[in-house]
Amino acid sequence: MAFSVKDEATDAAVRKLATLKGKGLTDVIREACENEFARTRGSIPLQDRLQAISERYLSFPKRRARDAG
């Protein structure tokens, strides 16, 4: 599971961030990706996220009243 960075500017940026944070390259890349994922996911409006959850919930099989007990 290796990545090969062929862009010098990207390589330099990752190495500078790793040095600044005192972490390894893998840790810095993982952290950056997780942060970007969270930031991007946060840009999806709450109403849209709730709609997706609601649609998923409504797709579940209905339980009969006596089974709910």
PDB file of N, CA and C in Angstrom:
ATOM      1  N   MET A   1       0.831  -1.194   0.000  1.00  0.00           N
ATOM      2  CA  MET A   1       0.000   0.000   0.000  1.00  0.00           C
ATOM      3  C   MET A   1       0.871   1.251   0.000  1.00  0.00           C
ATOM      4  N   ALA A   2       1.592   1.442  -1.026  1.00  0.00           N
ATOM      5  CA  ALA A   2       2.478   2.602  -1.095  1.00  0.00           C
ATOM      6  C   ALA A   2       1.935   3.639  -2.068  1.00  0.00           C
ATOM      7  N   PHE A   3       2.251   4.875  -1.767  1.00  0.00           N
ATOM      8  CA  PHE A   3       1.941   5.978  -2.669  1.00  0.00           C
ATOM      9  C   PHE A   3       3.267   6.506  -3.184  1.00  0.00           C
ATOM     10  N   SER A   4       3.241   6.934  -4.403  1.00  0.00           N
ATOM     11  CA  SER A   4       4.424   7.529  -4.977  1.00  0.00           C
ATOM     12  C   SER A   4       4.068   8.952  -5.386  1.00  0.00           C
ATOM     13  N   VAL A   5       4.675   9.910  -4.712  1.00  0.00           N
ATOM     14  CA  VAL A   5       4.410  11.311  -5.018  1.00  0.00           C
ATOM     15  C   VAL A   5       5.431  11.757  -6.053  1.00  0.00           C
ATOM     16  N   LYS A   6       4.930  12.108  -7.221  1.00  0.00           N
ATOM     17  CA  LYS A   6       5.819  12.488  -8.311  1.00  0.00           C
ATOM     18  C   LYS A   6       5.878  14.002  -8.519  1.00  0.00           C
ATOM     19  N   ASP A   7       5.188  14.711  -7.649  1.00  0.00           N
ATOM     20  CA  ASP A   7       5.150  16.170  -7.730  1.00  0.00           C
ATOM     21  C   ASP A   7       6.038  16.749  -6.629  1.00  0.00           C
ATOM     22  N   GLU A   8       7.061  17.473  -7.012  1.00  0.00           N
ATOM     23  CA  GLU A   8       8.022  17.994  -6.042  1.00  0.00           C
ATOM     24  C   GLU A   8       7.386  18.944  -5.040  1.00  0.00           C
ATOM     25  N   ALA A   9       6.446  19.760  -5.488  1.00  0.00           N
ATOM     26  CA  ALA A   9       5.803  20.712  -4.578  1.00  0.00           C
ATOM     27  C   ALA A   9       4.987  19.986  -3.513  1.00  0.00           C
ATOM     28  N   THR A  10       4.301  18.929  -3.906  1.00  0.00           N
ATOM     29  CA  THR A  10       3.520  18.140  -2.945  1.00  0.00           C
ATOM     30  C   THR A  10       4.442  17.445  -1.962  1.00  0.00           C
ATOM     31  N   ASP A  11       5.501  16.845  -2.464  1.00  0.00           N
ATOM     32  CA  ASP A  11       6.474  16.187  -1.606  1.00  0.00           C
ATOM     33  C   ASP A  11       7.049  17.172  -0.587  1.00  0.00           C
ATOM     34  N   ALA A  12       7.407  18.343  -1.050  1.00  0.00           N
ATOM     35  CA  ALA A  12       7.981  19.355  -0.160  1.00  0.00           C
ATOM     36  C   ALA A  12       6.965  19.801   0.888  1.00  0.00           C
ATOM     37  N   ALA A  13       5.711  19.981   0.479  1.00  0.00           N
ATOM     38  CA  ALA A  13       4.677  20.425   1.411  1.00  0.00           C
ATOM     39  C   ALA A  13       4.443  19.381   2.504  1.00  0.00           C
ATOM     40  N   VAL A  14       4.371  18.116   2.116  1.00  0.00           N
ATOM     41  CA  VAL A  14       4.165  17.051   3.098  1.00  0.00           C
ATOM     42  C   VAL A  14       5.347  16.978   4.057  1.00  0.00           C
ATOM     43  N   ARG A  15       6.545  17.077   3.526  1.00  0.00           N
ATOM     44  CA  ARG A  15       7.734  17.006   4.380  1.00  0.00           C
ATOM     45  C   ARG A  15       7.827  18.207   5.322  1.00  0.00           C
ATOM     46  N   LYS A  16       7.473  19.399   4.850  1.00  0.00           N
ATOM     47  CA  LYS A  16       7.485  20.587   5.716  1.00  0.00           C
ATOM     48  C   LYS A  16       6.472  20.435   6.847  1.00  0.00           C
ATOM     49  N   LEU A  17       5.278  19.927   6.510  1.00  0.00           N
ATOM     50  CA  LEU A  17       4.246  19.742   7.527  1.00  0.00           C
ATOM     51  C   LEU A  17       4.672  18.693   8.549  1.00  0.00           C
ATOM     52  N   ALA A  18       5.279  17.616   8.079  1.00  0.00           N
ATOM     53  CA  ALA A  18       5.762  16.565   8.979  1.00  0.00           C
ATOM     54  C   ALA A  18       6.824  17.116   9.934  1.00  0.00           C
ATOM     55  N   THR A  19       7.734  17.914   9.416  1.00  0.00           N
ATOM     56  CA  THR A  19       8.770  18.522  10.241  1.00  0.00           C
ATOM     57  C   THR A  19       8.155  19.476  11.254  1.00  0.00           C
ATOM     58  N   LEU A  20       7.249  20.303  10.802  1.00  0.00           N
ATOM     59  CA  LEU A  20       6.595  21.278  11.673  1.00  0.00           C
ATOM     60  C   LEU A  20       5.842  20.596  12.817  1.00  0.00           C
ATOM     61  N   LYS A  21       5.183  19.491  12.510  1.00  0.00           N
ATOM     62  CA  LYS A  21       4.381  18.793  13.513  1.00  0.00           C
ATOM     63  C   LYS A  21       5.172  17.747  14.280  1.00  0.00           C
ATOM     64  N   GLY A  22       6.384  17.449  13.821  1.00  0.00           N
ATOM     65  CA  GLY A  22       7.194  16.436  14.489  1.00  0.00           C
ATOM     66  C   GLY A  22       6.613  15.037  14.336  1.00  0.00           C
ATOM     67  N   LYS A  23       6.012  14.776  13.175  1.00  0.00           N
ATOM     68  CA  LYS A  23       5.384  13.485  12.903  1.00  0.00           C
ATOM     69  C   LYS A  23       5.974  12.877  11.636  1.00  0.00           C
ATOM     70  N   GLY A  24       5.682  11.592  11.437  1.00  0.00           N
ATOM     71  CA  GLY A  24       6.118  10.919  10.231  1.00  0.00           C
ATOM     72  C   GLY A  24       5.246  11.280   9.040  1.00  0.00           C
ATOM     73  N   LEU A  25       5.747  10.965   7.859  1.00  0.00           N
ATOM     74  CA  LEU A  25       5.021  11.292   6.628  1.00  0.00           C
ATOM     75  C   LEU A  25       3.645  10.615   6.585  1.00  0.00           C
ATOM     76  N   THR A  26       3.587   9.338   6.956  1.00  0.00           N
ATOM     77  CA  THR A  26       2.318   8.612   6.919  1.00  0.00           C
ATOM     78  C   THR A  26       1.304   9.248   7.849  1.00  0.00           C
ATOM     79  N   ASP A  27       1.735   9.594   9.062  1.00  0.00           N
ATOM     80  CA  ASP A  27       0.820  10.216  10.027  1.00  0.00           C
ATOM     81  C   ASP A  27       0.293  11.556   9.516  1.00  0.00           C
ATOM     82  N   VAL A  28       1.173  12.337   8.931  1.00  0.00           N
ATOM     83  CA  VAL A  28       0.774  13.657   8.422  1.00  0.00           C
ATOM     84  C   VAL A  28      -0.201  13.517   7.255  1.00  0.00           C
ATOM     85  N   ILE A  29       0.063  12.592   6.355  1.00  0.00           N
ATOM     86  CA  ILE A  29      -0.828  12.394   5.213  1.00  0.00           C
ATOM     87  C   ILE A  29      -2.180  11.899   5.680  1.00  0.00           C
ATOM     88  N   ARG A  30      -2.195  10.920   6.598  1.00  0.00           N
ATOM     89  CA  ARG A  30      -3.463  10.401   7.122  1.00  0.00           C
ATOM     90  C   ARG A  30      -4.256  11.509   7.806  1.00  0.00           C
ATOM     91  N   GLU A  31      -3.601  12.276   8.661  1.00  0.00           N
ATOM     92  CA  GLU A  31      -4.266  13.358   9.375  1.00  0.00           C
ATOM     93  C   GLU A  31      -4.832  14.396   8.408  1.00  0.00           C
ATOM     94  N   ALA A  32      -4.057  14.745   7.397  1.00  0.00           N
ATOM     95  CA  ALA A  32      -4.517  15.726   6.414  1.00  0.00           C
ATOM     96  C   ALA A  32      -5.741  15.212   5.656  1.00  0.00           C
ATOM     97  N   CYS A  33      -5.713  13.942   5.285  1.00  0.00           N
ATOM     98  CA  CYS A  33      -6.848  13.356   4.569  1.00  0.00           C
ATOM     99  C   CYS A  33      -8.084  13.288   5.455  1.00  0.00           C
ATOM    100  N   GLU A  34      -7.909  12.878   6.715  1.00  0.00           N
ATOM    101  CA  GLU A  34      -9.046  12.812   7.631  1.00  0.00           C
ATOM    102  C   GLU A  34      -9.634  14.194   7.876  1.00  0.00           C
ATOM    103  N   ASN A  35      -8.776  15.190   8.027  1.00  0.00           N
ATOM    104  CA  ASN A  35      -9.258  16.554   8.230  1.00  0.00           C
ATOM    105  C   ASN A  35     -10.005  17.074   7.009  1.00  0.00           C
ATOM    106  N   GLU A  36      -9.487  16.784   5.832  1.00  0.00           N
ATOM    107  CA  GLU A  36     -10.147  17.226   4.600  1.00  0.00           C
ATOM    108  C   GLU A  36     -11.481  16.522   4.425  1.00  0.00           C
ATOM    109  N   PHE A  37     -11.530  15.227   4.756  1.00  0.00           N
ATOM    110  CA  PHE A  37     -12.787  14.489   4.689  1.00  0.00           C
ATOM    111  C   PHE A  37     -13.829  15.125   5.617  1.00  0.00           C
ATOM    112  N   ALA A  38     -13.436  15.405   6.842  1.00  0.00           N
ATOM    113  CA  ALA A  38     -14.357  16.008   7.810  1.00  0.00           C
ATOM    114  C   ALA A  38     -14.809  17.390   7.340  1.00  0.00           C
ATOM    115  N   ARG A  39     -13.889  18.164   6.798  1.00  0.00           N
ATOM    116  CA  ARG A  39     -14.227  19.505   6.322  1.00  0.00           C
ATOM    117  C   ARG A  39     -15.199  19.438   5.147  1.00  0.00           C
ATOM    118  N   THR A  40     -14.927  18.540   4.225  1.00  0.00           N
ATOM    119  CA  THR A  40     -15.783  18.401   3.048  1.00  0.00           C
ATOM    120  C   THR A  40     -17.150  17.866   3.436  1.00  0.00           C
ATOM    121  N   ARG A  41     -17.169  16.880   4.306  1.00  0.00           N
ATOM    122  CA  ARG A  41     -18.440  16.320   4.771  1.00  0.00           C
ATOM    123  C   ARG A  41     -19.249  17.392   5.494  1.00  0.00           C
ATOM    124  N   GLY A  42     -18.581  18.244   6.227  1.00  0.00           N
ATOM    125  CA  GLY A  42     -19.254  19.319   6.943  1.00  0.00           C
ATOM    126  C   GLY A  42     -19.857  20.353   6.012  1.00  0.00           C
ATOM    127  N   SER A  43     -19.415  20.365   4.760  1.00  0.00           N
ATOM    128  CA  SER A  43     -19.959  21.345   3.817  1.00  0.00           C
ATOM    129  C   SER A  43     -21.290  20.891   3.229  1.00  0.00           C
ATOM    130  N   ILE A  44     -21.659  19.629   3.472  1.00  0.00           N
ATOM    131  CA  ILE A  44     -22.968  19.139   3.040  1.00  0.00           C
ATOM    132  C   ILE A  44     -23.987  19.674   4.039  1.00  0.00           C
ATOM    133  N   PRO A  45     -24.997  20.396   3.575  1.00  0.00           N
ATOM    134  CA  PRO A  45     -25.962  20.994   4.495  1.00  0.00           C
ATOM    135  C   PRO A  45     -26.608  19.945   5.411  1.00  0.00           C
ATOM    136  N   LEU A  46     -26.851  20.347   6.654  1.00  0.00           N
ATOM    137  CA  LEU A  46     -27.439  19.452   7.637  1.00  0.00           C
ATOM    138  C   LEU A  46     -28.741  18.845   7.125  1.00  0.00           C
ATOM    139  N   GLN A  47     -29.572  19.636   6.484  1.00  0.00           N
ATOM    140  CA  GLN A  47     -30.848  19.137   5.971  1.00  0.00           C
ATOM    141  C   GLN A  47     -30.629  17.982   4.994  1.00  0.00           C
ATOM    142  N   ASP A  48     -29.621  18.091   4.142  1.00  0.00           N
ATOM    143  CA  ASP A  48     -29.329  17.021   3.189  1.00  0.00           C
ATOM    144  C   ASP A  48     -28.831  15.765   3.905  1.00  0.00           C
ATOM    145  N   ARG A  49     -27.987  15.948   4.929  1.00  0.00           N
ATOM    146  CA  ARG A  49     -27.495  14.790   5.683  1.00  0.00           C
ATOM    147  C   ARG A  49     -28.640  14.107   6.428  1.00  0.00           C
ATOM    148  N   LEU A  50     -29.523  14.909   7.026  1.00  0.00           N
ATOM    149  CA  LEU A  50     -30.664  14.333   7.739  1.00  0.00           C
ATOM    150  C   LEU A  50     -31.622  13.635   6.784  1.00  0.00           C
ATOM    151  N   GLN A  51     -31.788  14.181   5.589  1.00  0.00           N
ATOM    152  CA  GLN A  51     -32.656  13.554   4.591  1.00  0.00           C
ATOM    153  C   GLN A  51     -32.129  12.169   4.233  1.00  0.00           C
ATOM    154  N   ALA A  52     -30.837  12.048   4.061  1.00  0.00           N
ATOM    155  CA  ALA A  52     -30.239  10.751   3.734  1.00  0.00           C
ATOM    156  C   ALA A  52     -30.451   9.754   4.872  1.00  0.00           C
ATOM    157  N   ILE A  53     -30.313  10.215   6.109  1.00  0.00           N
ATOM    158  CA  ILE A  53     -30.545   9.337   7.269  1.00  0.00           C
ATOM    159  C   ILE A  53     -32.006   8.923   7.318  1.00  0.00           C
ATOM    160  N   SER A  54     -32.895   9.864   7.072  1.00  0.00           N
ATOM    161  CA  SER A  54     -34.328   9.575   7.092  1.00  0.00           C
ATOM    162  C   SER A  54     -34.696   8.547   6.030  1.00  0.00           C
ATOM    163  N   GLU A  55     -34.171   8.711   4.840  1.00  0.00           N
ATOM    164  CA  GLU A  55     -34.463   7.768   3.758  1.00  0.00           C
ATOM    165  C   GLU A  55     -33.942   6.368   4.101  1.00  0.00           C
ATOM    166  N   ARG A  56     -32.783   6.318   4.712  1.00  0.00           N
ATOM    167  CA  ARG A  56     -32.242   5.012   5.117  1.00  0.00           C
ATOM    168  C   ARG A  56     -33.131   4.373   6.179  1.00  0.00           C
ATOM    169  N   TYR A  57     -33.550   5.167   7.159  1.00  0.00           N
ATOM    170  CA  TYR A  57     -34.426   4.663   8.219  1.00  0.00           C
ATOM    171  C   TYR A  57     -35.739   4.139   7.646  1.00  0.00           C
ATOM    172  N   LEU A  58     -36.312   4.882   6.722  1.00  0.00           N
ATOM    173  CA  LEU A  58     -37.594   4.475   6.135  1.00  0.00           C
ATOM    174  C   LEU A  58     -37.468   3.206   5.293  1.00  0.00           C
ATOM    175  N   SER A  59     -36.262   2.862   4.890  1.00  0.00           N
ATOM    176  CA  SER A  59     -36.064   1.650   4.101  1.00  0.00           C
ATOM    177  C   SER A  59     -36.019   0.386   4.964  1.00  0.00           C
ATOM    178  N   PHE A  60     -35.908   0.556   6.281  1.00  0.00           N
ATOM    179  CA  PHE A  60     -35.878  -0.600   7.175  1.00  0.00           C
ATOM    180  C   PHE A  60     -37.251  -1.257   7.230  1.00  0.00           C
ATOM    181  N   PRO A  61     -37.282  -2.573   7.459  1.00  0.00           N
ATOM    182  CA  PRO A  61     -38.575  -3.260   7.582  1.00  0.00           C
ATOM    183  C   PRO A  61     -39.351  -2.718   8.777  1.00  0.00           C
ATOM    184  N   LYS A  62     -40.664  -2.652   8.609  1.00  0.00           N
ATOM    185  CA  LYS A  62     -41.531  -2.158   9.681  1.00  0.00           C
ATOM    186  C   LYS A  62     -41.739  -3.273  10.700  1.00  0.00           C
ATOM    187  N   ARG A  63     -41.743  -2.907  11.979  1.00  0.00           N
ATOM    188  CA  ARG A  63     -42.019  -3.889  13.038  1.00  0.00           C
ATOM    189  C   ARG A  63     -43.482  -3.783  13.428  1.00  0.00           C
ATOM    190  N   ARG A  64     -44.082  -4.907  13.660  1.00  0.00           N
ATOM    191  CA  ARG A  64     -45.466  -4.909  14.116  1.00  0.00           C
ATOM    192  C   ARG A  64     -45.496  -4.494  15.577  1.00  0.00           C
ATOM    193  N   ALA A  65     -46.620  -3.921  16.022  1.00  0.00           N
ATOM    194  CA  ALA A  65     -46.755  -3.399  17.382  1.00  0.00           C
ATOM    195  C   ALA A  65     -46.453  -4.464  18.419  1.00  0.00           C
ATOM    196  N   ARG A  66     -46.923  -5.689  18.243  1.00  0.00           N
ATOM    197  CA  ARG A  66     -46.700  -6.716  19.286  1.00  0.00           C
ATOM    198  C   ARG A  66     -45.253  -7.172  19.320  1.00  0.00           C
ATOM    199  N   ASP A  67     -44.476  -6.964  18.222  1.00  0.00           N
ATOM    200  CA  ASP A  67     -43.056  -7.320  18.191  1.00  0.00           C
ATOM    201  C   ASP A  67     -42.201  -6.280  18.916  1.00  0.00           C
ATOM    202  N   ALA A  68     -42.725  -5.074  19.067  1.00  0.00           N
ATOM    203  CA  ALA A  68     -41.949  -3.988  19.632  1.00  0.00           C
ATOM    204  C   ALA A  68     -41.708  -4.154  21.120  1.00  0.00           C
ATOM    205  N   GLY A  69     -42.512  -4.965  21.778  1.00  0.00           N
ATOM    206  CA  GLY A  69     -42.584  -5.148  23.185  1.00  0.00           C
ATOM    207  C   GLY A  69     -41.457  -5.294  24.018  1.00  0.00           C
TER     208      GLY A  69
END
